[in-house]
Amino acid sequence: MHELQVTERILNVVLQHTKGHDVTRVVRIHLRIGELSDLEDEWIQHYFEYIARDTLAANAELAITRAPIVVSCAACSRTFEIKRDDLGEAKCPDCGEGKLDLVSGREYLVENMEVM
């Protein structure tokens, strides 16, 4: 059910950006979703098809890209990507510090959209 609320927000953003422009139809929406997000692509697509009907975004394709997990070392500020499985045991490759701050990986956003 979490995906429904997020998908409603995505649709609202898309429809807001069509206002004031000569848009007759939204063809494709490019989404960026962080690897740590618990959002399921299939459910987002399913809910989007349902709530977007009768709007300019009806039948729009969702192109979902997963954003990597990026952390920053608390000691030396080095920023680097890590895998989800390595989160609990990751250390900075430069100084070996284990205290890391999340920079990205939980986000979801509309990167861009294609319209007619």
Protein backbone atom coordinates (compact mmCIF):
# COMPACT_ATOMS: atom_id res chain seq x y z
CA MET A 1 0.00 0.00 0.00
CA HIS A 2 3.02 2.25 0.54
CA GLU A 3 3.51 2.34 -3.25
CA LEU A 4 0.02 3.77 -3.78
CA GLN A 5 0.78 6.94 -1.79
CA VAL A 6 4.14 7.41 -3.49
CA THR A 7 2.60 6.80 -6.91
CA GLU A 8 -0.10 9.39 -6.23
CA ARG A 9 2.62 11.92 -5.39
CA ILE A 10 4.49 11.06 -8.59
CA LEU A 11 1.34 11.54 -10.68
CA ASN A 12 0.65 14.87 -8.96
CA VAL A 13 4.17 16.11 -9.78
CA VAL A 14 3.79 15.05 -13.41
CA LEU A 15 0.39 16.68 -13.81
CA GLN A 16 1.61 19.89 -12.12
CA HIS A 17 4.41 20.16 -14.68
CA THR A 18 2.00 19.78 -17.58
CA LYS A 19 -0.05 22.81 -16.49
CA GLY A 20 0.56 25.95 -18.49
CA HIS A 21 2.25 24.04 -21.29
CA ASP A 22 0.70 22.81 -24.49
CA VAL A 23 0.74 19.16 -23.39
CA THR A 24 -1.79 16.78 -24.86
CA ARG A 25 -0.30 13.58 -23.48
CA VAL A 26 2.47 12.30 -21.23
CA VAL A 27 4.28 9.51 -23.05
CA ARG A 28 7.06 8.43 -20.68
CA ILE A 29 8.08 9.29 -17.12
CA HIS A 30 11.65 8.69 -16.00
CA LEU A 31 11.84 7.85 -12.30
CA ARG A 32 14.94 7.48 -10.15
CA ILE A 33 14.44 5.28 -7.10
CA GLY A 34 17.17 4.54 -4.57
CA GLU A 35 18.41 1.00 -4.00
CA LEU A 36 17.47 1.24 -0.33
CA SER A 37 13.90 2.17 -1.13
CA ASP A 38 11.40 -0.56 -0.43
CA LEU A 39 9.27 0.52 -3.40
CA GLU A 40 8.52 -2.29 -5.82
CA ASP A 41 8.63 -1.39 -9.52
CA GLU A 42 5.72 -3.68 -10.38
CA TRP A 43 3.43 -2.15 -7.78
CA ILE A 44 4.31 1.39 -8.80
CA GLN A 45 3.46 0.53 -12.41
CA HIS A 46 0.25 -1.23 -11.38
CA TYR A 47 -0.98 1.68 -9.23
CA PHE A 48 0.10 4.24 -11.82
CA GLU A 49 -1.95 2.57 -14.53
CA TYR A 50 -4.98 2.65 -12.24
CA ILE A 51 -4.75 6.22 -10.90
CA ALA A 52 -3.52 7.83 -14.14
CA ARG A 53 -6.47 6.71 -16.25
CA ASP A 54 -8.56 9.66 -17.41
CA THR A 55 -5.56 12.02 -17.06
CA LEU A 56 -2.92 13.32 -19.49
CA ALA A 57 -0.65 10.58 -18.13
CA ALA A 58 -2.95 7.70 -19.03
CA ASN A 59 -0.93 4.85 -20.61
CA ALA A 60 2.38 6.62 -19.95
CA GLU A 61 5.37 4.32 -19.66
CA LEU A 62 7.29 4.40 -16.40
CA ALA A 63 11.04 4.09 -16.96
CA ILE A 64 12.51 3.28 -13.54
CA THR A 65 16.23 3.54 -12.81
CA ARG A 66 17.63 2.37 -9.49
CA ALA A 67 20.05 4.85 -7.89
CA PRO A 68 23.07 3.40 -6.11
CA ILE A 69 23.69 3.65 -2.38
CA VAL A 70 26.22 6.40 -1.73
CA VAL A 71 27.78 7.06 1.66
CA SER A 72 30.23 9.59 3.06
CA CYS A 73 32.95 8.85 5.60
CA ALA A 74 32.47 10.76 8.85
CA ALA A 75 36.23 10.97 9.39
CA CYS A 76 37.71 11.94 6.00
CA SER A 77 34.57 12.91 4.01
CA ARG A 78 35.32 10.47 1.20
CA THR A 79 32.13 9.69 -0.73
CA PHE A 80 31.70 6.26 -2.32
CA GLU A 81 29.14 3.71 -3.47
CA ILE A 82 28.40 0.53 -1.57
CA LYS A 83 26.20 -2.50 -2.09
CA ARG A 84 23.15 -3.11 0.08
CA ASP A 85 24.66 -6.33 1.47
CA ASP A 86 27.77 -4.43 2.62
CA LEU A 87 25.91 -1.74 4.57
CA GLY A 88 26.44 -3.14 8.06
CA GLU A 89 30.14 -3.88 7.63
CA ALA A 90 31.29 -1.16 5.21
CA LYS A 91 34.41 0.85 5.97
CA CYS A 92 35.95 3.80 4.20
CA PRO A 93 38.37 2.60 1.51
CA ASP A 94 40.71 5.53 2.29
CA CYS A 95 40.93 5.68 6.09
CA GLY A 96 39.16 2.51 7.27
CA GLU A 97 36.56 4.40 9.35
CA GLY A 98 33.30 2.52 9.89
CA LYS A 99 31.08 5.54 10.69
CA LEU A 100 29.41 6.37 7.40
CA ASP A 101 26.61 8.80 6.59
CA LEU A 102 24.03 8.03 3.92
CA VAL A 103 24.21 10.48 1.01
CA SER A 104 21.73 8.81 -1.34
CA GLY A 105 19.92 5.55 -1.87
CA ARG A 106 16.45 6.12 -0.39
CA GLU A 107 15.20 8.77 -2.79
CA TYR A 108 12.46 8.64 -5.37
CA LEU A 109 12.05 11.41 -7.89
CA VAL A 110 10.79 12.27 -11.33
CA GLU A 111 13.95 12.89 -13.36
CA ASN A 112 12.13 13.97 -16.50
CA MET A 113 9.18 13.17 -18.70
CA GLU A 114 8.41 12.96 -22.37
CA VAL A 115 5.25 14.64 -23.57
CA MET A 116 3.35 15.40 -26.74
